[in-house]
Protein backbone atom coordinates (compact mmCIF):
# COMPACT_ATOMS: atom_id res chain seq x y z
CA MET A 1 0.00 0.00 0.00
CA GLU A 2 2.76 2.40 0.85
CA LEU A 3 4.52 1.67 -2.45
CA GLU A 4 1.30 2.27 -4.37
CA ARG A 5 0.74 5.55 -2.48
CA GLU A 6 4.30 6.74 -3.24
CA ALA A 7 3.87 5.80 -6.89
CA THR A 8 0.61 7.78 -7.02
CA LEU A 9 2.28 10.87 -5.51
CA VAL A 10 5.13 10.64 -8.00
CA ASN A 11 2.67 10.41 -10.88
CA GLU A 12 0.76 13.44 -9.58
CA ASP A 13 3.99 15.45 -9.31
CA VAL A 14 4.94 14.53 -12.87
CA GLU A 15 1.50 15.53 -14.19
CA ALA A 16 1.65 18.84 -12.32
CA GLN A 17 4.90 19.83 -14.02
CA PRO A 18 4.54 21.96 -17.20
CA LEU A 19 5.38 20.27 -20.49
CA LEU A 20 7.59 23.21 -21.53
CA PRO A 21 10.00 25.03 -19.23
CA LYS A 22 8.86 28.50 -18.17
CA LYS A 23 10.60 31.29 -20.03
CA PRO A 24 12.73 33.62 -17.91
CA VAL A 25 11.36 37.14 -17.58
CA THR A 26 13.09 39.54 -19.95
CA PRO A 27 14.02 42.79 -18.18
CA LEU A 28 11.86 45.69 -19.29
CA PRO A 29 14.05 48.11 -21.33
CA LYS A 30 13.29 51.11 -19.15
CA PHE A 31 15.69 53.51 -20.89
CA GLN A 32 14.26 52.79 -24.33
CA LEU A 33 10.74 53.04 -22.95
CA ALA A 34 11.57 56.42 -21.39
CA ILE A 35 12.80 57.73 -24.76
CA VAL A 36 9.63 56.55 -26.47
CA LEU A 37 7.48 58.22 -23.83
CA PHE A 38 9.39 61.49 -24.18
CA ALA A 39 8.77 61.39 -27.92
CA ARG A 40 5.10 60.77 -27.19
CA LEU A 41 4.95 63.86 -24.98
CA ALA A 42 5.58 66.29 -27.86
CA GLU A 43 2.31 65.63 -29.69
CA PRO A 44 -0.23 66.41 -26.94
CA ILE A 45 1.68 69.59 -26.05
CA ALA A 46 1.49 70.79 -29.66
CA TYR A 47 -2.17 69.79 -29.80
CA THR A 48 -3.37 71.41 -26.59
CA GLN A 49 -1.20 74.52 -26.28
CA ILE A 50 -3.66 76.51 -28.45
CA PHE A 51 -6.65 75.80 -26.19
CA PRO A 52 -6.29 78.84 -23.88
CA TYR A 53 -5.85 81.42 -26.64
CA ILE A 54 -7.53 80.16 -29.82
CA ASN A 55 -10.72 82.18 -29.20
CA ALA A 56 -8.71 85.36 -28.59
CA MET A 57 -6.58 84.62 -31.64
CA VAL A 58 -9.59 84.30 -33.93
CA GLU A 59 -11.13 87.46 -32.50
CA GLU A 60 -7.96 89.59 -32.61
CA LEU A 61 -7.14 88.56 -36.16
CA HIS A 62 -10.67 89.58 -37.21
CA ILE A 63 -11.22 86.24 -38.85
CA ALA A 64 -14.86 86.00 -37.85
CA PRO A 65 -17.62 88.20 -36.39
CA PRO A 66 -17.97 87.97 -32.59
CA LYS A 67 -20.96 85.63 -32.76
CA GLN A 68 -19.03 83.11 -34.88
CA VAL A 69 -15.75 83.07 -32.97
CA GLY A 70 -16.65 79.84 -31.22
CA PHE A 71 -17.48 78.10 -34.51
CA TYR A 72 -14.21 79.03 -36.21
CA SER A 73 -12.20 78.24 -33.09
CA GLY A 74 -13.75 74.78 -32.97
CA LEU A 75 -13.14 74.31 -36.69
CA ILE A 76 -9.45 75.16 -36.37
CA ASP A 77 -9.05 72.98 -33.30
CA SER A 78 -10.83 69.93 -34.70
CA LEU A 79 -8.78 69.81 -37.90
CA PHE A 80 -5.89 68.25 -35.99
CA ALA A 81 -7.91 65.19 -35.01
CA LEU A 82 -9.64 64.95 -38.39
CA THR A 83 -6.47 64.93 -40.47
CA GLN A 84 -4.70 62.61 -38.04
CA LEU A 85 -7.61 60.18 -38.32
CA CYS A 86 -7.21 60.17 -42.10
CA THR A 87 -3.46 59.54 -42.09
CA ILE A 88 -2.72 57.48 -38.98
CA VAL A 89 -3.10 54.12 -40.75
CA HIS A 90 -0.72 55.29 -43.48
CA TRP A 91 1.98 56.22 -40.96
CA GLY A 92 1.60 52.91 -39.14
CA SER A 93 1.96 51.00 -42.41
CA LEU A 94 4.95 53.10 -43.44
CA SER A 95 6.69 52.34 -40.14
CA ASP A 96 6.43 48.63 -40.92
CA ARG A 97 8.30 49.22 -44.18
CA ILE A 98 10.99 51.80 -43.34
CA GLY A 99 11.23 51.45 -39.56
CA ARG A 100 9.73 53.05 -36.47
CA ARG A 101 12.37 55.68 -35.79
CA PRO A 102 12.26 57.38 -39.23
CA VAL A 103 8.48 57.72 -39.06
CA ILE A 104 8.63 59.12 -35.51
CA LEU A 105 11.21 61.68 -36.65
CA ILE A 106 9.16 62.61 -39.72
CA GLY A 107 6.13 63.11 -37.51
CA MET A 108 7.94 65.33 -35.01
CA SER A 109 9.58 67.33 -37.82
CA GLY A 110 6.20 67.95 -39.40
CA VAL A 111 4.71 69.01 -36.08
CA SER A 112 7.60 71.44 -35.49
CA VAL A 113 7.34 73.18 -38.87
CA ALA A 114 3.55 73.35 -38.85
CA THR A 115 3.43 74.64 -35.26
CA LEU A 116 5.84 77.45 -36.13
CA PHE A 117 3.69 78.27 -39.14
CA PHE A 118 0.61 78.34 -36.91
CA GLY A 119 2.24 80.83 -34.54
CA LEU A 120 3.10 83.14 -37.44
CA SER A 121 -0.31 82.89 -39.15
CA ASN A 122 -2.57 85.90 -39.48
CA THR A 123 -5.30 84.67 -41.85
CA LEU A 124 -7.93 81.96 -41.62
CA TRP A 125 -6.53 79.79 -44.40
CA GLN A 126 -3.07 79.86 -42.80
CA LEU A 127 -4.48 78.73 -39.44
CA LEU A 128 -6.53 75.97 -41.07
CA LEU A 129 -3.63 74.75 -43.20
CA SER A 130 -1.09 74.70 -40.39
CA ARG A 131 -3.47 72.98 -37.98
CA ALA A 132 -4.34 70.37 -40.58
CA LEU A 133 -0.66 69.73 -41.27
CA ILE A 134 0.11 69.24 -37.57
CA GLY A 135 -2.41 66.41 -37.44
CA ALA A 136 -1.69 64.91 -40.88
CA LEU A 137 2.08 64.75 -40.44
CA CYS A 138 2.01 63.16 -37.00
CA GLY A 139 0.84 59.57 -36.75
CA ASN A 140 3.05 58.80 -33.77
CA VAL A 141 0.11 57.74 -31.64
CA ALA A 142 0.05 54.44 -33.56
CA VAL A 143 3.78 54.13 -34.14
CA ILE A 144 4.62 54.62 -30.46
CA GLN A 145 2.37 51.70 -29.51
CA SER A 146 4.17 49.60 -32.13
CA VAL A 147 7.53 50.54 -30.62
CA VAL A 148 6.31 49.54 -27.17
CA SER A 149 5.26 46.20 -28.62
CA ASP A 150 8.66 45.80 -30.28
CA ILE A 151 10.68 46.42 -27.13
CA THR A 152 8.61 44.09 -24.93
CA ASP A 153 7.66 40.42 -25.12
CA GLU A 154 5.19 38.05 -23.51
CA THR A 155 7.35 37.68 -20.40
CA ASN A 156 7.47 41.35 -19.42
CA GLN A 157 4.40 42.93 -21.03
CA ASN A 158 2.40 42.13 -17.92
CA LYS A 159 5.04 43.36 -15.51
CA GLY A 160 3.44 45.61 -12.93
CA VAL A 161 -0.09 44.30 -13.49
CA PRO A 162 -1.79 43.26 -10.24
CA LYS A 163 -2.39 39.56 -9.73
CA SER A 164 -5.22 37.71 -8.08
CA LYS A 165 -4.84 35.53 -5.01
CA ALA A 166 -4.49 32.51 -7.26
CA GLY A 167 -1.43 34.07 -8.86
CA GLU A 168 -3.13 34.76 -12.19
CA LEU A 169 -3.39 38.12 -13.88
CA SER A 170 -6.42 40.04 -12.74
CA PRO A 171 -9.15 40.14 -15.44
CA LEU A 172 -9.92 43.71 -14.39
CA THR A 173 -6.48 44.95 -15.47
CA PRO A 174 -5.70 43.27 -18.82
CA ILE A 175 -3.52 46.08 -20.18
CA ALA A 176 0.14 45.78 -19.31
CA LEU A 177 1.92 48.65 -17.64
CA ALA A 178 4.16 49.31 -20.62
CA PHE A 179 1.16 49.78 -22.91
CA ALA A 180 -0.65 52.00 -20.42
CA LEU A 181 2.20 54.48 -20.04
CA PRO A 182 1.79 56.21 -23.46
CA ALA A 183 -1.79 57.10 -22.53
CA LEU A 184 -0.56 58.46 -19.19
CA VAL A 185 2.02 60.59 -21.00
CA TRP A 186 -0.70 61.95 -23.29
CA TYR A 187 -2.58 63.31 -20.29
CA MET A 188 0.62 64.80 -18.92
CA GLY A 189 1.10 66.61 -22.22
CA ALA A 190 -2.54 67.72 -22.14
CA ILE A 191 -1.77 69.39 -18.80
CA ILE A 192 1.51 70.98 -19.88
CA GLY A 193 0.23 72.27 -23.22
CA PRO A 194 -2.55 74.57 -21.94
CA LEU A 195 -0.21 75.86 -19.23
CA ILE A 196 2.26 76.90 -21.91
CA GLY A 197 -0.46 78.49 -24.02
CA GLY A 198 -2.00 80.37 -21.14
CA LEU A 199 1.24 81.62 -19.62
CA LEU A 200 3.06 82.62 -22.80
CA SER A 201 0.38 84.13 -25.06
CA HIS A 202 0.65 87.96 -25.26
CA PRO A 203 4.09 87.84 -23.61
CA ALA A 204 4.94 91.47 -24.43
CA GLU A 205 1.93 92.59 -22.38
CA LYS A 206 2.26 90.09 -19.54
CA TYR A 207 6.03 90.27 -19.17
CA PRO A 208 7.10 93.66 -20.59
CA ASN A 209 10.42 93.63 -18.78
CA VAL A 210 11.40 90.40 -20.52
CA PHE A 211 9.65 90.43 -23.89
CA GLY A 212 8.54 94.03 -24.30
CA GLY A 213 11.46 94.88 -26.56
CA ILE A 214 10.88 92.10 -29.10
CA PRO A 215 8.81 93.43 -32.05
CA LEU A 216 7.91 89.94 -33.31
CA LEU A 217 6.12 89.09 -30.06
CA LYS A 218 4.13 92.32 -30.29
CA GLU A 219 3.09 91.63 -33.88
CA ARG A 220 2.51 87.90 -33.27
CA PRO A 221 1.33 87.66 -29.65
CA PHE A 222 0.63 83.92 -29.95
CA PHE A 223 3.98 82.93 -31.41
CA LEU A 224 5.87 82.30 -28.16
CA PRO A 225 3.79 79.31 -26.90
CA CYS A 226 4.12 77.74 -30.34
CA PHE A 227 7.88 78.33 -30.26
CA VAL A 228 8.24 76.73 -26.81
CA SER A 229 6.21 73.74 -28.01
CA VAL A 230 8.57 73.43 -30.97
CA LEU A 231 11.60 73.53 -28.67
CA ILE A 232 10.19 70.61 -26.68
CA THR A 233 9.55 68.68 -29.90
CA ILE A 234 13.06 69.36 -31.23
CA THR A 235 14.55 68.18 -27.94
CA ALA A 236 12.53 64.97 -28.22
CA MET A 237 13.78 64.57 -31.80
CA LEU A 238 17.42 64.88 -30.72
CA VAL A 239 16.96 62.36 -27.92
CA THR A 240 15.26 59.98 -30.36
CA VAL A 241 18.04 60.32 -32.95
CA LEU A 242 20.79 59.76 -30.40
CA PHE A 243 19.39 57.04 -28.19
CA LEU A 244 16.35 55.24 -29.65
CA GLU A 245 17.31 51.85 -31.03
CA GLU A 246 15.56 50.62 -34.15
């Protein structure tokens, strides 16, 4: 009886063992992930920095009568999302062919040029064109997710996700931490962008001791927040060029 019981226990132990050995957990490439997230930060800043001043911009440029300022402001603002919606699949497909990093750099370059153009605009068609270009040239929202997928695997994609008492991944939190971070960075950019726009629009009037002697900022009172947004984007481009691995 004792021999049969021992044999039964041995058989149960053998059946409980997995058929394939468990893969070791690959360390999450935190430095590469940080670079990707910094690149992701540039887009929401460029998108949201116009929110505090777009109504004043439309009104001061005499683009529309007072009763239609809200309509034209909404039209200019919404063009970003509309054009990005039309081109985002194209950028994602292009990144599969030529690589992630070139497409990310193309997107940030387009955002930089178009944002500068927006800050220097003084007619309706210029505002519409520049805003449309910012959205159309930046499909990084899809490409960044692809990069996150490239730099992670099945062993570390769920790192940081809470587990149930049974040791299994909680069904309430199916998204891995690495994939959730780009969305978190978007909201960070959506906080920073309006702060830049609100603090730096009309700088010659708000900060005459600092910017009062610069004619450009008197003629283009909404240029400075666009310029600061571009500086952030250019910094992200340099970091991407130097450190992001393909």
